[in-house]
Amino acid sequence: MELDYRARSDPGKVRENNEDSFRVVPSMNLFVLSDGMGGQASGEVASRIAVDAIISHCREAKANPNLPLVGEPIAGVSGVTSRLASAIREANHRVHAAARQNENQHGMGATAVAAWFTGERISLAHVGDSRVYMLRGSQLEQLTNDHSFVAEQVRRGMMTQGEADASRMQNVLLRALGIEPEVDVDVDEELLTEGDSLLLCSDGLTRELPDSQIAIVLRGADDAQEAANRLIDLANQAGGRDNITVIVVRHALRPVGAFARIGRWFKGSDDSSSEGER
């Protein structure tokens, strides 16, 4: 399976600092994004701790498959998905501990969303309101549920989506890393088919762009680079009121005939062991 991916983060038009963090580990097909909160530099610290913890836990597990899980395995999902949830629980412990140890960072927290590709299977795990979308054909589907007050009100029929979008309570999260000693992690598994696109993003994107516009960009982009750049640019044009981070992963269409040989030659010249981060 050939993955075309690109990640980009931007502080937006209003905030001076960027509290989002992300990492891409091509050697593991692992993609992680976190949106920090806490004011001053605390949000940056929380998101960086979260991302580093998730990556390091998954790497340790790859080197040592007998590494104990943090928390219980999750019934009905693969071991990889349970491991990803374990990594996010470990991130919660580290953010929570750091917040307790430094009085300047009390109350800091972060969202986390991660996608781990093993063959055609995608393992997903998340906490908070950073999202994962799947574009298949012309249909865009949100694969994660926001752990926010307004999203819960919409799910319960207490608020319309329009009311939620206009609410001053949008920033109130029901779940985040670092706030409590333990946290519930939502997981999902999907199969990636040829031509599919996966988008991981912080709420700086989804507060500015409706799903319909996100779908248009993902459908129309020639590659992941173009999609990531276009999404960031449009979110800034719409106001850029928060930090904006996107990771776009596409299941590249298989070239045929002479183009396949050319494609293999170019891919072979690429450094697939590199990592990307902001």
Protein backbone atom coordinates (compact mmCIF):
# COMPACT_ATOMS: atom_id res chain seq x y z
CA MET A 1 0.00 0.00 0.00
CA GLU A 2 1.39 3.39 -1.04
CA LEU A 3 0.55 6.29 1.28
CA ASP A 4 0.79 9.89 0.15
CA TYR A 5 0.84 12.11 3.24
CA ARG A 6 1.52 15.67 4.28
CA ALA A 7 1.19 17.53 7.57
CA ARG A 8 1.14 21.25 8.19
CA SER A 9 0.56 23.46 11.23
CA ASP A 10 -0.11 27.20 11.35
CA PRO A 11 -0.69 29.56 14.32
CA GLY A 12 -3.59 31.24 12.53
CA LYS A 13 -4.29 34.96 12.28
CA VAL A 14 -5.07 35.80 15.92
CA ARG A 15 -2.83 33.83 18.26
CA GLU A 16 0.87 34.51 18.59
CA ASN A 17 1.84 31.02 19.74
CA ASN A 18 0.95 27.61 18.39
CA GLU A 19 -0.39 25.13 20.96
CA ASP A 20 -0.84 22.35 18.40
CA SER A 21 1.73 19.58 17.97
CA PHE A 22 2.00 16.72 15.52
CA ARG A 23 4.32 13.92 14.52
CA VAL A 24 4.50 11.67 11.49
CA VAL A 25 6.51 8.43 11.70
CA PRO A 26 6.69 7.02 8.17
CA SER A 27 8.56 3.88 9.22
CA MET A 28 5.52 2.89 11.33
CA ASN A 29 2.77 4.58 9.26
CA LEU A 30 1.83 6.34 12.50
CA PHE A 31 0.23 9.81 12.56
CA VAL A 32 -0.45 11.78 15.76
CA LEU A 33 -1.95 15.22 16.42
CA SER A 34 -2.62 17.09 19.66
CA ASP A 35 -4.17 20.47 20.51
CA GLY A 36 -2.98 21.88 23.82
CA MET A 37 -4.82 24.12 26.25
CA GLY A 38 -3.92 25.97 29.39
CA GLY A 39 -2.81 29.47 28.43
CA GLN A 40 0.63 31.02 28.13
CA ALA A 41 3.06 28.27 27.13
CA SER A 42 1.21 25.48 28.97
CA GLY A 43 -0.80 24.38 25.96
CA GLU A 44 2.34 23.98 23.89
CA VAL A 45 3.92 21.92 26.66
CA ALA A 46 0.86 19.68 27.07
CA SER A 47 0.49 18.91 23.36
CA ARG A 48 4.19 18.21 22.96
CA ILE A 49 4.22 15.86 25.95
CA ALA A 50 1.15 14.07 24.58
CA VAL A 51 2.54 13.54 21.10
CA ASP A 52 5.96 12.43 22.35
CA ALA A 53 4.38 9.99 24.82
CA ILE A 54 2.17 8.38 22.18
CA ILE A 55 5.03 7.96 19.73
CA SER A 56 7.48 6.61 22.31
CA HIS A 57 4.95 4.10 23.72
CA CYS A 58 4.14 2.75 20.26
CA ARG A 59 7.83 2.48 19.41
CA GLU A 60 8.56 0.63 22.61
CA ALA A 61 5.73 -1.78 21.86
CA LYS A 62 7.01 -2.38 18.35
CA ALA A 63 10.44 -3.24 19.77
CA ASN A 64 8.91 -5.28 22.61
CA PRO A 65 5.51 -6.82 21.81
CA ASN A 66 5.28 -7.98 25.44
CA LEU A 67 5.28 -4.42 26.76
CA PRO A 68 2.37 -4.19 29.24
CA LEU A 69 -0.63 -2.17 28.19
CA VAL A 70 -1.57 0.95 30.11
CA GLY A 71 -5.09 0.03 31.11
CA GLU A 72 -7.09 -2.94 29.94
CA PRO A 73 -7.20 -4.30 26.38
CA ILE A 74 -10.32 -3.29 24.49
CA ALA A 75 -12.67 -6.10 23.50
CA GLY A 76 -13.55 -6.52 19.86
CA VAL A 77 -10.59 -4.64 18.36
CA SER A 78 -7.12 -5.61 17.20
CA GLY A 79 -4.05 -5.60 19.41
CA VAL A 80 -2.74 -2.60 17.48
CA THR A 81 -5.84 -0.59 18.32
CA SER A 82 -5.64 -1.56 22.00
CA ARG A 83 -1.98 -0.53 21.93
CA LEU A 84 -2.86 2.86 20.46
CA ALA A 85 -5.41 3.41 23.23
CA SER A 86 -2.74 2.38 25.73
CA ALA A 87 -0.40 5.01 24.26
CA ILE A 88 -3.00 7.74 24.72
CA ARG A 89 -3.59 6.64 28.33
CA GLU A 90 0.16 6.87 28.89
CA ALA A 91 0.10 10.37 27.40
CA ASN A 92 -2.67 11.29 29.84
CA HIS A 93 -0.55 10.12 32.77
CA ARG A 94 2.43 12.16 31.61
CA VAL A 95 0.48 15.37 31.00
CA HIS A 96 -1.33 14.99 34.34
CA ALA A 97 1.95 14.41 36.19
CA ALA A 98 3.63 17.39 34.54
CA ALA A 99 0.70 19.64 35.43
CA ARG A 100 0.86 18.59 39.09
CA GLN A 101 4.63 19.02 39.34
CA ASN A 102 4.78 22.56 37.95
CA GLU A 103 2.49 25.17 39.48
CA ASN A 104 2.73 27.30 36.33
CA GLN A 105 1.20 24.46 34.37
CA HIS A 106 -1.66 23.50 36.68
CA GLY A 107 -4.80 22.86 34.65
CA MET A 108 -3.05 22.31 31.34
CA GLY A 109 -4.44 19.65 29.06
CA ALA A 110 -4.62 18.50 25.47
CA THR A 111 -6.64 16.65 22.91
CA ALA A 112 -5.14 13.68 21.10
CA VAL A 113 -5.99 11.88 17.90
CA ALA A 114 -3.89 9.15 16.33
CA ALA A 115 -4.06 6.90 13.28
CA TRP A 116 -1.90 3.80 12.89
CA PHE A 117 -1.90 1.97 9.55
CA THR A 118 -1.13 -1.75 9.45
CA GLY A 119 -1.67 -3.01 5.93
CA GLU A 120 -5.11 -1.89 4.79
CA ARG A 121 -6.38 -1.51 8.37
CA ILE A 122 -6.45 1.83 10.18
CA SER A 123 -6.50 1.87 13.99
CA LEU A 124 -7.89 5.13 15.40
CA ALA A 125 -7.89 6.45 18.96
CA HIS A 126 -8.81 9.87 20.30
CA VAL A 127 -9.70 12.06 23.25
CA GLY A 128 -11.12 15.58 22.90
CA ASP A 129 -12.40 17.48 19.87
CA SER A 130 -9.62 17.02 17.34
CA ARG A 131 -11.12 15.01 14.53
CA VAL A 132 -10.56 12.31 11.93
CA TYR A 133 -12.42 12.39 8.61
CA MET A 134 -12.53 9.84 5.80
CA LEU A 135 -13.20 10.82 2.20
CA ARG A 136 -14.32 7.87 0.09
CA GLY A 137 -15.43 8.74 -3.40
CA SER A 138 -17.46 11.92 -3.00
CA GLN A 139 -18.58 11.19 0.58
CA LEU A 140 -16.90 12.76 3.62
CA GLU A 141 -17.51 11.02 6.95
CA GLN A 142 -16.44 12.18 10.40
CA LEU A 143 -15.03 9.09 12.11
CA THR A 144 -14.64 10.59 15.59
CA ASN A 145 -17.15 12.07 18.03
CA ASP A 146 -16.17 15.33 19.70
CA HIS A 147 -15.86 15.06 23.48
CA SER A 148 -17.27 18.53 23.99
CA PHE A 149 -20.24 20.02 25.80
CA VAL A 150 -21.95 21.31 22.64
CA ALA A 151 -21.42 18.06 20.73
CA GLU A 152 -23.00 16.12 23.59
CA GLN A 153 -25.95 18.52 23.61
CA VAL A 154 -26.43 17.95 19.88
CA ARG A 155 -26.26 14.16 20.31
CA ARG A 156 -28.93 14.36 23.01
CA GLY A 157 -31.19 16.56 20.88
CA MET A 158 -30.86 19.47 23.31
CA MET A 159 -29.19 21.76 20.77
CA THR A 160 -29.16 22.04 16.99
CA GLN A 161 -25.89 21.94 15.09
CA GLY A 162 -26.38 25.60 14.18
CA GLU A 163 -26.83 26.51 17.84
CA ALA A 164 -23.73 24.50 18.73
CA ASP A 165 -21.67 26.26 16.06
CA ALA A 166 -22.69 29.65 17.46
CA SER A 167 -22.37 28.73 21.14
CA ARG A 168 -19.82 30.32 23.45
CA MET A 169 -19.47 26.88 25.06
CA GLN A 170 -17.64 25.36 22.10
CA ASN A 171 -14.36 25.36 23.99
CA VAL A 172 -15.75 23.32 26.91
CA LEU A 173 -14.42 19.78 26.68
CA LEU A 174 -15.89 16.83 28.55
CA ARG A 175 -12.72 14.79 28.06
CA ALA A 176 -9.10 15.85 27.62
CA LEU A 177 -5.66 14.56 28.47
CA GLY A 178 -4.12 15.64 31.76
CA ILE A 179 -7.21 16.83 33.60
CA GLU A 180 -7.83 13.63 35.57
CA PRO A 181 -5.49 10.75 36.49
CA GLU A 182 -7.37 8.44 34.10
CA VAL A 183 -9.22 9.08 30.86
CA ASP A 184 -11.56 7.10 28.61
CA VAL A 185 -10.23 6.66 25.09
CA ASP A 186 -12.51 6.16 22.08
CA VAL A 187 -11.26 3.77 19.39
CA ASP A 188 -12.31 2.72 15.93
CA GLU A 189 -11.03 0.57 13.08
CA GLU A 190 -11.46 1.19 9.37
CA LEU A 191 -10.25 -0.37 6.14
CA LEU A 192 -8.54 1.97 3.71
CA THR A 193 -9.35 1.32 0.06
CA GLU A 194 -7.62 2.63 -3.02
CA GLY A 195 -8.29 6.34 -3.53
CA ASP A 196 -9.45 7.02 0.06
CA SER A 197 -8.23 10.09 1.97
CA LEU A 198 -7.89 10.41 5.74
CA LEU A 199 -7.75 13.79 7.47
CA LEU A 200 -6.62 14.40 11.05
CA CYS A 201 -7.19 17.98 12.20
CA SER A 202 -7.40 20.31 15.17
CA ASP A 203 -10.53 22.37 15.78
CA GLY A 204 -8.84 25.44 14.31
CA LEU A 205 -9.80 23.95 10.96
CA THR A 206 -13.31 22.77 11.72
CA ARG A 207 -14.32 26.00 13.49
CA GLU A 208 -13.59 27.89 10.28
CA LEU A 209 -14.57 25.49 7.49
CA PRO A 210 -17.78 23.47 7.13
CA ASP A 211 -17.53 19.80 6.24
CA SER A 212 -18.80 20.54 2.74
CA GLN A 213 -15.83 22.80 2.03
CA ILE A 214 -13.37 20.32 3.52
CA ALA A 215 -14.80 17.66 1.21
CA ILE A 216 -14.41 19.89 -1.84
CA VAL A 217 -10.74 20.48 -1.04
CA LEU A 218 -9.96 16.81 -0.43
CA ARG A 219 -11.79 15.76 -3.61
CA GLY A 220 -10.16 18.40 -5.79
CA ALA A 221 -6.55 18.22 -4.60
CA ASP A 222 -4.02 16.43 -6.79
CA ASP A 223 -2.05 15.20 -3.78
CA ALA A 224 -1.79 15.41 0.01
CA GLN A 225 0.51 18.43 -0.16
CA GLU A 226 -2.01 20.47 -2.13
CA ALA A 227 -4.85 19.41 0.15
CA ALA A 228 -3.01 20.33 3.36
CA ASN A 229 -1.92 23.72 2.02
CA ARG A 230 -5.36 24.57 0.69
CA LEU A 231 -7.12 23.65 3.94
CA ILE A 232 -4.75 25.83 6.01
CA ASP A 233 -5.04 28.74 3.60
CA LEU A 234 -8.84 28.63 3.52
CA ALA A 235 -9.09 28.41 7.32
CA ASN A 236 -6.91 31.50 7.62
CA GLN A 237 -8.96 33.32 5.01
CA ALA A 238 -12.09 32.49 7.01
CA GLY A 239 -10.64 34.13 10.12
CA GLY A 240 -7.84 31.95 11.44
CA ARG A 241 -9.02 32.49 15.00
CA ASP A 242 -7.19 29.46 16.37
CA ASN A 243 -4.14 27.36 15.62
CA ILE A 244 -4.72 25.11 12.60
CA THR A 245 -3.11 21.71 12.10
CA VAL A 246 -3.89 19.12 9.46
CA ILE A 247 -2.49 15.74 8.50
CA VAL A 248 -3.70 14.42 5.14
CA VAL A 249 -3.08 10.77 4.27
CA ARG A 250 -4.13 9.35 0.91
CA HIS A 251 -4.15 5.80 -0.37
CA ALA A 252 -2.43 6.54 -3.66
CA LEU A 253 -3.98 5.09 -6.79
CA ARG A 254 -1.77 2.38 -8.24
CA PRO A 255 -0.08 3.45 -11.49
CA VAL A 256 -0.20 1.04 -14.40
CA GLY A 257 2.16 0.08 -17.21
CA ALA A 258 5.17 2.34 -17.82
CA PHE A 259 3.93 4.77 -15.18
CA ALA A 260 4.24 2.06 -12.53
CA ARG A 261 7.94 1.65 -13.30
CA ILE A 262 8.48 5.41 -13.18
CA GLY A 263 6.57 5.64 -9.89
CA ARG A 264 8.65 2.89 -8.29
CA TRP A 265 11.86 4.61 -9.39
CA PHE A 266 10.86 7.91 -7.79
CA LYS A 267 9.57 6.28 -4.60
CA GLY A 268 12.80 4.33 -4.30
CA SER A 269 14.76 7.59 -4.25
CA ASP A 270 12.74 8.96 -1.33
CA ASP A 271 13.96 8.87 2.28
CA SER A 272 11.12 6.92 3.87
CA SER A 273 12.79 6.85 7.26
CA SER A 274 12.38 10.57 7.92
CA GLU A 275 9.99 11.99 10.48
CA GLY A 276 7.94 15.15 10.19
CA GLU A 277 6.97 17.57 12.93
CA ARG A 278 6.29 21.24 13.23
